Amino acid sequence: MEGVKGKNLISMFRLLSQASSEAAKRPALMTESSESISVSADATQTKDGALRSAAEPEIELEFTSVMSVDDPIIDDLKGAVLSGEVIEAWNINLDKKGTGENADKYEATYYRGYGTSFEVSAPADGNVEVTFGYGANGKGAKGYATVPQSQLDEALYVFSDTTKTSE
């Protein structure tokens, strides 16, 4: 059994209003991401002990990223928090490739919800960081997501041959 590396769990986002015109994007230079599921449970005391009744789960996503000069998804997410616009989100596990008709895709969970927080932290002695919080509607849907190679290579460089590059 092998552990999953944090860099292989990525998140991609898109404003729902852009679904017909834009592909989802991965925020560049992410340093951390998380998915939190919490359930409230009320307790009724009985003579035999507490009897719990659980509410519906609440799912929250969060990521922190070093701010990139040209990362359009960051501006979209900030605008969506301010306007209350619906955001699509995909949590994708790059260690779990699909099979058959999904062979070129990765296991993912798809959500629709709202931005719940947006914070920019600018320390004098370090990089500017953006932290984005997201609250999902419902429980999400499991499936397989396409992750273009350009999104995987965005923050890293890829092999370049020794020949002259074309313009």
N, C-alpha and C. Protein backbone atom coordinates (compact mmCIF):
# COMPACT_ATOMS: atom_id res chain seq x y z
N MET A 1 0.85 -1.17 0.00
CA MET A 1 0.00 0.00 0.00
C MET A 1 0.90 1.24 0.00
N GLU A 2 0.49 2.23 -0.76
CA GLU A 2 1.29 3.43 -0.90
C GLU A 2 0.46 4.65 -0.52
N GLY A 3 1.10 5.61 0.14
CA GLY A 3 0.42 6.83 0.55
C GLY A 3 0.22 7.78 -0.63
N VAL A 4 -0.82 8.59 -0.54
CA VAL A 4 -1.10 9.60 -1.56
C VAL A 4 -0.33 10.87 -1.20
N LYS A 5 0.38 11.42 -2.15
CA LYS A 5 1.11 12.67 -1.93
C LYS A 5 0.15 13.85 -2.12
N GLY A 6 0.32 14.86 -1.27
CA GLY A 6 -0.56 16.02 -1.31
C GLY A 6 -0.61 16.70 -2.67
N LYS A 7 0.50 16.70 -3.39
CA LYS A 7 0.52 17.37 -4.70
C LYS A 7 -0.36 16.65 -5.72
N ASN A 8 -0.77 15.42 -5.42
CA ASN A 8 -1.61 14.67 -6.35
C ASN A 8 -3.10 14.81 -6.09
N LEU A 9 -3.47 15.56 -5.07
CA LEU A 9 -4.87 15.93 -4.84
C LEU A 9 -5.01 17.39 -5.24
N ILE A 10 -5.69 17.64 -6.34
CA ILE A 10 -5.82 19.00 -6.83
C ILE A 10 -7.28 19.41 -6.85
N SER A 11 -7.50 20.70 -6.93
CA SER A 11 -8.85 21.24 -7.05
C SER A 11 -8.90 22.12 -8.29
N MET A 12 -10.01 22.06 -9.00
CA MET A 12 -10.24 22.93 -10.14
C MET A 12 -11.59 23.62 -9.92
N PHE A 13 -11.70 24.84 -10.45
CA PHE A 13 -12.89 25.65 -10.23
C PHE A 13 -13.33 26.31 -11.53
N ARG A 14 -14.62 26.66 -11.56
CA ARG A 14 -15.17 27.44 -12.67
C ARG A 14 -16.46 28.08 -12.18
N LEU A 15 -16.72 29.30 -12.62
CA LEU A 15 -18.01 29.92 -12.34
C LEU A 15 -19.05 29.19 -13.17
N LEU A 16 -20.17 28.83 -12.57
CA LEU A 16 -21.21 28.11 -13.29
C LEU A 16 -21.66 28.89 -14.52
N SER A 17 -21.69 30.20 -14.43
CA SER A 17 -22.11 31.03 -15.55
C SER A 17 -21.16 30.93 -16.75
N GLN A 18 -19.95 30.41 -16.53
CA GLN A 18 -18.97 30.28 -17.61
C GLN A 18 -18.88 28.85 -18.15
N ALA A 19 -19.77 27.96 -17.72
CA ALA A 19 -19.69 26.54 -18.08
C ALA A 19 -19.70 26.31 -19.59
N SER A 20 -20.40 27.13 -20.35
CA SER A 20 -20.46 26.91 -21.80
C SER A 20 -19.33 27.60 -22.55
N SER A 21 -18.54 28.42 -21.86
CA SER A 21 -17.50 29.17 -22.57
C SER A 21 -16.09 28.96 -22.03
N GLU A 22 -15.93 28.43 -20.84
CA GLU A 22 -14.61 28.28 -20.22
C GLU A 22 -14.45 26.89 -19.64
N ALA A 23 -13.22 26.39 -19.69
CA ALA A 23 -12.90 25.14 -19.00
C ALA A 23 -12.57 25.47 -17.55
N ALA A 24 -12.72 24.50 -16.67
CA ALA A 24 -12.33 24.69 -15.27
C ALA A 24 -10.82 24.91 -15.20
N LYS A 25 -10.40 25.63 -14.17
CA LYS A 25 -8.98 25.94 -14.01
C LYS A 25 -8.50 25.54 -12.62
N ARG A 26 -7.23 25.19 -12.57
CA ARG A 26 -6.57 24.88 -11.30
C ARG A 26 -5.83 26.14 -10.86
N PRO A 27 -6.07 26.62 -9.64
CA PRO A 27 -5.29 27.77 -9.18
C PRO A 27 -3.81 27.42 -9.19
N ALA A 28 -3.01 28.33 -9.70
CA ALA A 28 -1.57 28.11 -9.79
C ALA A 28 -0.93 28.19 -8.41
N LEU A 29 0.17 27.53 -8.25
CA LEU A 29 1.04 27.63 -7.07
C LEU A 29 0.32 27.32 -5.75
N MET A 30 -0.57 26.34 -5.77
CA MET A 30 -1.26 25.95 -4.54
C MET A 30 -0.26 25.34 -3.57
N THR A 31 -0.36 25.73 -2.32
CA THR A 31 0.52 25.18 -1.29
C THR A 31 -0.22 24.21 -0.38
N GLU A 32 -1.54 24.35 -0.33
CA GLU A 32 -2.32 23.50 0.57
C GLU A 32 -3.77 23.50 0.13
N SER A 33 -4.44 22.37 0.30
CA SER A 33 -5.88 22.31 0.06
C SER A 33 -6.49 21.35 1.08
N SER A 34 -7.77 21.54 1.33
CA SER A 34 -8.44 20.65 2.28
C SER A 34 -9.90 20.48 1.91
N GLU A 35 -10.45 19.36 2.32
CA GLU A 35 -11.87 19.06 2.20
C GLU A 35 -12.34 18.66 3.59
N SER A 36 -13.36 19.34 4.09
CA SER A 36 -13.85 19.09 5.43
C SER A 36 -15.32 18.70 5.36
N ILE A 37 -15.66 17.59 6.01
CA ILE A 37 -17.05 17.15 6.09
C ILE A 37 -17.44 17.15 7.56
N SER A 38 -18.49 17.88 7.90
CA SER A 38 -18.94 17.90 9.29
C SER A 38 -20.44 17.64 9.34
N VAL A 39 -20.85 17.00 10.41
CA VAL A 39 -22.26 16.67 10.60
C VAL A 39 -22.63 17.04 12.03
N SER A 40 -23.66 17.84 12.17
CA SER A 40 -24.19 18.14 13.50
C SER A 40 -25.07 16.99 13.95
N ALA A 41 -25.00 16.68 15.21
CA ALA A 41 -25.83 15.60 15.74
C ALA A 41 -26.46 16.07 17.05
N ASP A 42 -27.78 16.14 17.04
CA ASP A 42 -28.49 16.49 18.26
C ASP A 42 -28.64 15.25 19.13
N ALA A 43 -28.60 15.46 20.42
CA ALA A 43 -28.73 14.34 21.36
C ALA A 43 -30.01 14.50 22.18
N THR A 44 -30.73 13.42 22.28
CA THR A 44 -31.90 13.36 23.16
C THR A 44 -31.54 12.39 24.27
N GLN A 45 -31.65 12.86 25.50
CA GLN A 45 -31.32 12.00 26.63
C GLN A 45 -32.46 11.04 26.89
N THR A 46 -32.12 9.77 26.95
CA THR A 46 -33.12 8.74 27.28
C THR A 46 -32.65 8.02 28.54
N LYS A 47 -33.48 7.17 29.08
CA LYS A 47 -33.12 6.41 30.27
C LYS A 47 -32.03 5.40 29.98
N ASP A 48 -31.84 5.10 28.68
CA ASP A 48 -30.80 4.15 28.27
C ASP A 48 -29.54 4.84 27.78
N GLY A 49 -29.50 6.15 27.83
CA GLY A 49 -28.34 6.91 27.33
C GLY A 49 -28.76 7.85 26.21
N ALA A 50 -27.79 8.55 25.65
CA ALA A 50 -28.08 9.54 24.61
C ALA A 50 -28.46 8.86 23.30
N LEU A 51 -29.48 9.42 22.66
CA LEU A 51 -29.91 8.96 21.34
C LEU A 51 -29.60 10.09 20.37
N ARG A 52 -28.74 9.82 19.41
CA ARG A 52 -28.29 10.84 18.47
C ARG A 52 -29.12 10.83 17.19
N SER A 53 -29.36 12.02 16.66
CA SER A 53 -29.97 12.17 15.33
C SER A 53 -29.09 13.13 14.54
N ALA A 54 -28.58 12.64 13.42
CA ALA A 54 -27.61 13.41 12.63
C ALA A 54 -28.31 14.27 11.60
N ALA A 55 -27.78 15.45 11.39
CA ALA A 55 -28.25 16.35 10.34
C ALA A 55 -27.54 15.98 9.04
N GLU A 56 -27.80 16.71 7.98
CA GLU A 56 -27.12 16.48 6.71
C GLU A 56 -25.67 16.96 6.80
N PRO A 57 -24.76 16.27 6.13
CA PRO A 57 -23.36 16.69 6.16
C PRO A 57 -23.16 18.05 5.48
N GLU A 58 -22.22 18.80 5.99
CA GLU A 58 -21.80 20.05 5.37
C GLU A 58 -20.38 19.86 4.88
N ILE A 59 -20.15 20.22 3.60
CA ILE A 59 -18.84 20.02 2.98
C ILE A 59 -18.24 21.37 2.67
N GLU A 60 -17.00 21.55 3.11
CA GLU A 60 -16.28 22.78 2.85
C GLU A 60 -14.92 22.45 2.25
N LEU A 61 -14.54 23.22 1.24
CA LEU A 61 -13.23 23.11 0.61
C LEU A 61 -12.46 24.38 0.92
N GLU A 62 -11.15 24.26 0.97
CA GLU A 62 -10.31 25.44 1.18
C GLU A 62 -8.97 25.20 0.50
N PHE A 63 -8.42 26.24 -0.07
CA PHE A 63 -7.06 26.14 -0.58
C PHE A 63 -6.31 27.41 -0.27
N THR A 64 -4.99 27.26 -0.20
CA THR A 64 -4.07 28.39 -0.07
C THR A 64 -3.11 28.30 -1.24
N SER A 65 -2.84 29.44 -1.83
CA SER A 65 -2.00 29.50 -3.01
C SER A 65 -1.10 30.72 -2.91
N VAL A 66 0.13 30.58 -3.41
CA VAL A 66 0.97 31.76 -3.57
C VAL A 66 0.38 32.54 -4.74
N MET A 67 0.13 33.84 -4.53
CA MET A 67 -0.52 34.63 -5.56
C MET A 67 0.38 34.73 -6.79
N SER A 68 -0.21 34.41 -7.92
CA SER A 68 0.47 34.51 -9.21
C SER A 68 0.07 35.82 -9.87
N VAL A 69 0.97 36.40 -10.62
CA VAL A 69 0.68 37.67 -11.29
C VAL A 69 -0.49 37.53 -12.25
N ASP A 70 -0.54 36.43 -12.99
CA ASP A 70 -1.58 36.26 -14.01
C ASP A 70 -2.37 34.97 -13.78
N ASP A 71 -3.17 34.91 -12.75
CA ASP A 71 -3.99 33.73 -12.48
C ASP A 71 -5.46 34.17 -12.51
N PRO A 72 -6.12 34.03 -13.67
CA PRO A 72 -7.48 34.55 -13.80
C PRO A 72 -8.51 33.89 -12.89
N ILE A 73 -8.28 32.64 -12.48
CA ILE A 73 -9.27 31.98 -11.64
C ILE A 73 -9.36 32.65 -10.27
N ILE A 74 -8.27 33.22 -9.80
CA ILE A 74 -8.28 33.92 -8.50
C ILE A 74 -9.22 35.12 -8.55
N ASP A 75 -9.14 35.91 -9.62
CA ASP A 75 -10.05 37.05 -9.77
C ASP A 75 -11.50 36.60 -9.88
N ASP A 76 -11.73 35.49 -10.61
CA ASP A 76 -13.09 34.96 -10.74
C ASP A 76 -13.65 34.54 -9.38
N LEU A 77 -12.82 33.85 -8.59
CA LEU A 77 -13.28 33.37 -7.28
C LEU A 77 -13.57 34.53 -6.33
N LYS A 78 -12.70 35.54 -6.34
CA LYS A 78 -12.93 36.72 -5.49
C LYS A 78 -14.25 37.40 -5.89
N GLY A 79 -14.46 37.58 -7.19
CA GLY A 79 -15.69 38.19 -7.66
C GLY A 79 -16.92 37.39 -7.29
N ALA A 80 -16.81 36.06 -7.33
CA ALA A 80 -17.94 35.19 -6.99
C ALA A 80 -18.27 35.28 -5.51
N VAL A 81 -17.26 35.41 -4.66
CA VAL A 81 -17.52 35.59 -3.22
C VAL A 81 -18.29 36.89 -3.00
N LEU A 82 -17.87 37.95 -3.68
CA LEU A 82 -18.51 39.25 -3.51
C LEU A 82 -19.93 39.29 -4.06
N SER A 83 -20.18 38.56 -5.14
CA SER A 83 -21.50 38.64 -5.79
C SER A 83 -22.43 37.48 -5.43
N GLY A 84 -21.93 36.46 -4.75
CA GLY A 84 -22.75 35.31 -4.40
C GLY A 84 -23.04 34.41 -5.59
N GLU A 85 -22.13 34.37 -6.54
CA GLU A 85 -22.30 33.56 -7.75
C GLU A 85 -21.97 32.09 -7.48
N VAL A 86 -22.68 31.19 -8.13
CA VAL A 86 -22.45 29.75 -7.98
C VAL A 86 -21.13 29.37 -8.64
N ILE A 87 -20.36 28.56 -7.92
CA ILE A 87 -19.05 28.10 -8.39
C ILE A 87 -19.08 26.58 -8.47
N GLU A 88 -18.54 26.05 -9.55
CA GLU A 88 -18.35 24.61 -9.68
C GLU A 88 -16.95 24.28 -9.15
N ALA A 89 -16.82 23.13 -8.50
CA ALA A 89 -15.52 22.71 -7.97
C ALA A 89 -15.34 21.22 -8.21
N TRP A 90 -14.12 20.83 -8.48
CA TRP A 90 -13.76 19.42 -8.64
C TRP A 90 -12.59 19.14 -7.73
N ASN A 91 -12.70 18.14 -6.88
CA ASN A 91 -11.56 17.62 -6.11
C ASN A 91 -11.09 16.38 -6.85
N ILE A 92 -9.86 16.39 -7.31
CA ILE A 92 -9.36 15.37 -8.24
C ILE A 92 -8.15 14.67 -7.63
N ASN A 93 -8.15 13.34 -7.73
CA ASN A 93 -7.03 12.53 -7.25
C ASN A 93 -6.24 12.04 -8.46
N LEU A 94 -5.07 12.64 -8.68
CA LEU A 94 -4.25 12.29 -9.84
C LEU A 94 -3.62 10.91 -9.72
N ASP A 95 -3.70 10.29 -8.54
CA ASP A 95 -3.19 8.93 -8.37
C ASP A 95 -4.20 7.88 -8.82
N LYS A 96 -5.43 8.29 -9.12
CA LYS A 96 -6.47 7.33 -9.48
C LYS A 96 -6.98 7.62 -10.89
N LYS A 97 -6.28 7.05 -11.88
CA LYS A 97 -6.69 7.19 -13.27
C LYS A 97 -7.89 6.29 -13.54
N GLY A 98 -8.73 6.74 -14.45
CA GLY A 98 -9.88 5.96 -14.84
C GLY A 98 -9.49 4.79 -15.73
N THR A 99 -10.46 3.98 -16.06
CA THR A 99 -10.25 2.85 -16.96
C THR A 99 -11.32 2.89 -18.04
N GLY A 100 -11.14 2.09 -19.09
CA GLY A 100 -12.13 2.02 -20.16
C GLY A 100 -12.36 3.38 -20.80
N GLU A 101 -13.62 3.79 -20.87
CA GLU A 101 -13.95 5.08 -21.50
C GLU A 101 -13.43 6.27 -20.70
N ASN A 102 -13.03 6.06 -19.46
CA ASN A 102 -12.48 7.13 -18.61
C ASN A 102 -10.96 7.03 -18.47
N ALA A 103 -10.29 6.30 -19.36
CA ALA A 103 -8.86 6.03 -19.23
C ALA A 103 -8.01 7.30 -19.25
N ASP A 104 -8.50 8.35 -19.87
CA ASP A 104 -7.72 9.60 -19.92
C ASP A 104 -8.21 10.62 -18.89
N LYS A 105 -8.94 10.14 -17.88
CA LYS A 105 -9.47 11.01 -16.84
C LYS A 105 -9.02 10.52 -15.47
N TYR A 106 -9.37 11.31 -14.43
CA TYR A 106 -8.97 10.99 -13.05
C TYR A 106 -10.21 10.98 -12.16
N GLU A 107 -10.17 10.14 -11.11
CA GLU A 107 -11.27 10.08 -10.16
C GLU A 107 -11.46 11.45 -9.52
N ALA A 108 -12.70 11.87 -9.42
CA ALA A 108 -12.99 13.21 -8.89
C ALA A 108 -14.35 13.24 -8.20
N THR A 109 -14.52 14.27 -7.38
CA THR A 109 -15.83 14.59 -6.82
C THR A 109 -16.17 16.00 -7.29
N TYR A 110 -17.38 16.14 -7.81
CA TYR A 110 -17.86 17.41 -8.37
C TYR A 110 -18.83 18.05 -7.38
N TYR A 111 -18.68 19.36 -7.22
CA TYR A 111 -19.55 20.12 -6.32
C TYR A 111 -20.04 21.39 -7.01
N ARG A 112 -21.17 21.87 -6.53
CA ARG A 112 -21.64 23.23 -6.83
C ARG A 112 -21.89 23.90 -5.49
N GLY A 113 -21.49 25.16 -5.40
CA GLY A 113 -21.69 25.86 -4.13
C GLY A 113 -21.26 27.31 -4.25
N TYR A 114 -20.88 27.86 -3.11
CA TYR A 114 -20.58 29.28 -3.03
C TYR A 114 -19.24 29.52 -2.32
N GLY A 115 -18.57 30.57 -2.74
CA GLY A 115 -17.38 31.00 -2.03
C GLY A 115 -17.80 31.56 -0.68
N THR A 116 -17.12 31.13 0.37
CA THR A 116 -17.47 31.57 1.72
C THR A 116 -16.43 32.50 2.32
N SER A 117 -15.23 32.51 1.76
CA SER A 117 -14.20 33.42 2.26
C SER A 117 -13.12 33.60 1.20
N PHE A 118 -12.48 34.76 1.25
CA PHE A 118 -11.38 35.08 0.35
C PHE A 118 -10.44 35.99 1.12
N GLU A 119 -9.20 35.55 1.29
CA GLU A 119 -8.24 36.33 2.08
C GLU A 119 -6.92 36.44 1.33
N VAL A 120 -6.35 37.63 1.33
CA VAL A 120 -5.03 37.86 0.78
C VAL A 120 -4.12 38.26 1.93
N SER A 121 -3.02 37.53 2.08
CA SER A 121 -2.05 37.80 3.14
C SER A 121 -0.74 38.21 2.48
N ALA A 122 -0.23 39.38 2.86
CA ALA A 122 0.97 39.92 2.23
C ALA A 122 2.04 40.26 3.26
N PRO A 123 2.80 39.26 3.73
CA PRO A 123 3.86 39.55 4.69
C PRO A 123 5.01 40.31 4.03
N ALA A 124 5.70 41.12 4.79
CA ALA A 124 6.80 41.91 4.25
C ALA A 124 7.96 41.03 3.79
N ASP A 125 8.14 39.88 4.39
CA ASP A 125 9.31 39.06 4.10
C ASP A 125 8.98 37.77 3.35
N GLY A 126 7.86 37.73 2.66
CA GLY A 126 7.51 36.48 1.97
C GLY A 126 6.58 36.73 0.81
N ASN A 127 6.09 35.64 0.25
CA ASN A 127 5.16 35.70 -0.88
C ASN A 127 3.76 36.07 -0.43
N VAL A 128 3.02 36.70 -1.31
CA VAL A 128 1.62 36.99 -1.07
C VAL A 128 0.85 35.69 -1.23
N GLU A 129 -0.02 35.39 -0.26
CA GLU A 129 -0.82 34.18 -0.31
C GLU A 129 -2.30 34.52 -0.39
N VAL A 130 -3.03 33.67 -1.11
CA VAL A 130 -4.48 33.78 -1.22
C VAL A 130 -5.07 32.53 -0.57
N THR A 131 -6.06 32.72 0.30
CA THR A 131 -6.79 31.60 0.88
C THR A 131 -8.25 31.76 0.49
N PHE A 132 -8.82 30.68 -0.06
CA PHE A 132 -10.20 30.69 -0.55
C PHE A 132 -10.98 29.60 0.14
N GLY A 133 -12.15 29.95 0.67
CA GLY A 133 -13.04 28.97 1.29
C GLY A 133 -14.29 28.79 0.44
N TYR A 134 -14.81 27.56 0.43
CA TYR A 134 -15.92 27.19 -0.44
C TYR A 134 -16.89 26.28 0.30
N GLY A 135 -18.17 26.57 0.23
CA GLY A 135 -19.19 25.72 0.83
C GLY A 135 -20.00 25.04 -0.24
N ALA A 136 -20.01 23.71 -0.23
CA ALA A 136 -20.72 22.94 -1.26
C ALA A 136 -22.19 22.79 -0.92
N ASN A 137 -23.02 22.77 -1.94
CA ASN A 137 -24.43 22.40 -1.80
C ASN A 137 -24.50 20.88 -1.92
N GLY A 138 -25.20 20.23 -1.06
CA GLY A 138 -25.37 18.78 -1.15
C GLY A 138 -24.10 18.02 -0.82
N LYS A 139 -24.02 16.80 -1.35
CA LYS A 139 -22.93 15.89 -1.01
C LYS A 139 -21.93 15.70 -2.14
N GLY A 140 -22.14 16.35 -3.27
CA GLY A 140 -21.24 16.18 -4.41
C GLY A 140 -21.58 14.93 -5.19
N ALA A 141 -20.93 14.78 -6.35
CA ALA A 141 -21.15 13.63 -7.22
C ALA A 141 -19.81 13.06 -7.63
N LYS A 142 -19.64 11.73 -7.48
CA LYS A 142 -18.40 11.06 -7.87
C LYS A 142 -18.41 10.80 -9.37
N GLY A 143 -17.22 10.87 -9.95
CA GLY A 143 -17.09 10.59 -11.38
C GLY A 143 -15.64 10.70 -11.79
N TYR A 144 -15.41 10.99 -13.06
CA TYR A 144 -14.05 11.13 -13.60
C TYR A 144 -13.93 12.45 -14.33
N ALA A 145 -12.86 13.18 -14.05
CA ALA A 145 -12.66 14.51 -14.62
C ALA A 145 -11.46 14.54 -15.55
N THR A 146 -11.59 15.33 -16.60
CA THR A 146 -10.49 15.58 -17.52
C THR A 146 -9.59 16.65 -16.91
N VAL A 147 -8.30 16.39 -16.90
CA VAL A 147 -7.33 17.38 -16.45
C VAL A 147 -6.35 17.58 -17.59
N PRO A 148 -6.48 18.70 -18.32
CA PRO A 148 -5.58 18.94 -19.45
C PRO A 148 -4.11 18.99 -18.99
N GLN A 149 -3.23 18.48 -19.84
CA GLN A 149 -1.80 18.48 -19.51
C GLN A 149 -1.31 19.89 -19.19
N SER A 150 -1.88 20.90 -19.86
CA SER A 150 -1.46 22.28 -19.60
C SER A 150 -1.73 22.68 -18.15
N GLN A 151 -2.81 22.15 -17.55
CA GLN A 151 -3.10 22.44 -16.15
C GLN A 151 -2.13 21.72 -15.22
N LEU A 152 -1.71 20.53 -15.62
CA LEU A 152 -0.74 19.78 -14.81
C LEU A 152 0.64 20.43 -14.88
N ASP A 153 0.98 21.00 -16.02
CA ASP A 153 2.30 21.57 -16.24
C ASP A 153 2.41 23.04 -15.86
N GLU A 154 1.30 23.66 -15.52
CA GLU A 154 1.25 25.12 -15.38
C GLU A 154 2.33 25.70 -14.48
N ALA A 155 2.51 25.15 -13.30
CA ALA A 155 3.45 25.73 -12.35
C ALA A 155 4.85 25.12 -12.47
N LEU A 156 4.98 24.08 -13.26
CA LEU A 156 6.26 23.41 -13.43
C LEU A 156 6.70 23.54 -14.87
N TYR A 157 7.94 23.37 -15.12
CA TYR A 157 8.35 23.34 -16.51
C TYR A 157 8.38 21.89 -16.97
N VAL A 158 8.23 21.69 -18.26
CA VAL A 158 8.27 20.36 -18.83
C VAL A 158 9.52 20.25 -19.69
N PHE A 159 9.87 19.04 -20.06
CA PHE A 159 11.07 18.80 -20.84
C PHE A 159 11.05 19.61 -22.12
N SER A 160 12.17 20.18 -22.47
CA SER A 160 12.35 20.90 -23.71
C SER A 160 13.55 20.32 -24.42
N ASP A 161 13.42 20.10 -25.73
CA ASP A 161 14.50 19.52 -26.49
C ASP A 161 15.58 20.56 -26.74
N THR A 162 16.72 20.11 -27.23
CA THR A 162 17.87 21.00 -27.46
C THR A 162 17.75 21.75 -28.78
N THR A 163 16.76 21.42 -29.60
CA THR A 163 16.60 22.08 -30.87
C THR A 163 15.97 23.46 -30.68
N LYS A 164 16.07 24.28 -31.71
CA LYS A 164 15.50 25.62 -31.69
C LYS A 164 13.98 25.52 -31.53
N THR A 165 13.43 26.34 -30.67
CA THR A 165 11.99 26.33 -30.49
C THR A 165 11.35 27.25 -31.52
N SER A 166 10.19 26.87 -32.01
CA SER A 166 9.48 27.71 -32.99
C SER A 166 8.67 28.76 -32.26
N GLU A 167 8.44 29.85 -32.93
CA GLU A 167 7.72 30.97 -32.32
C GLU A 167 6.25 30.92 -32.62
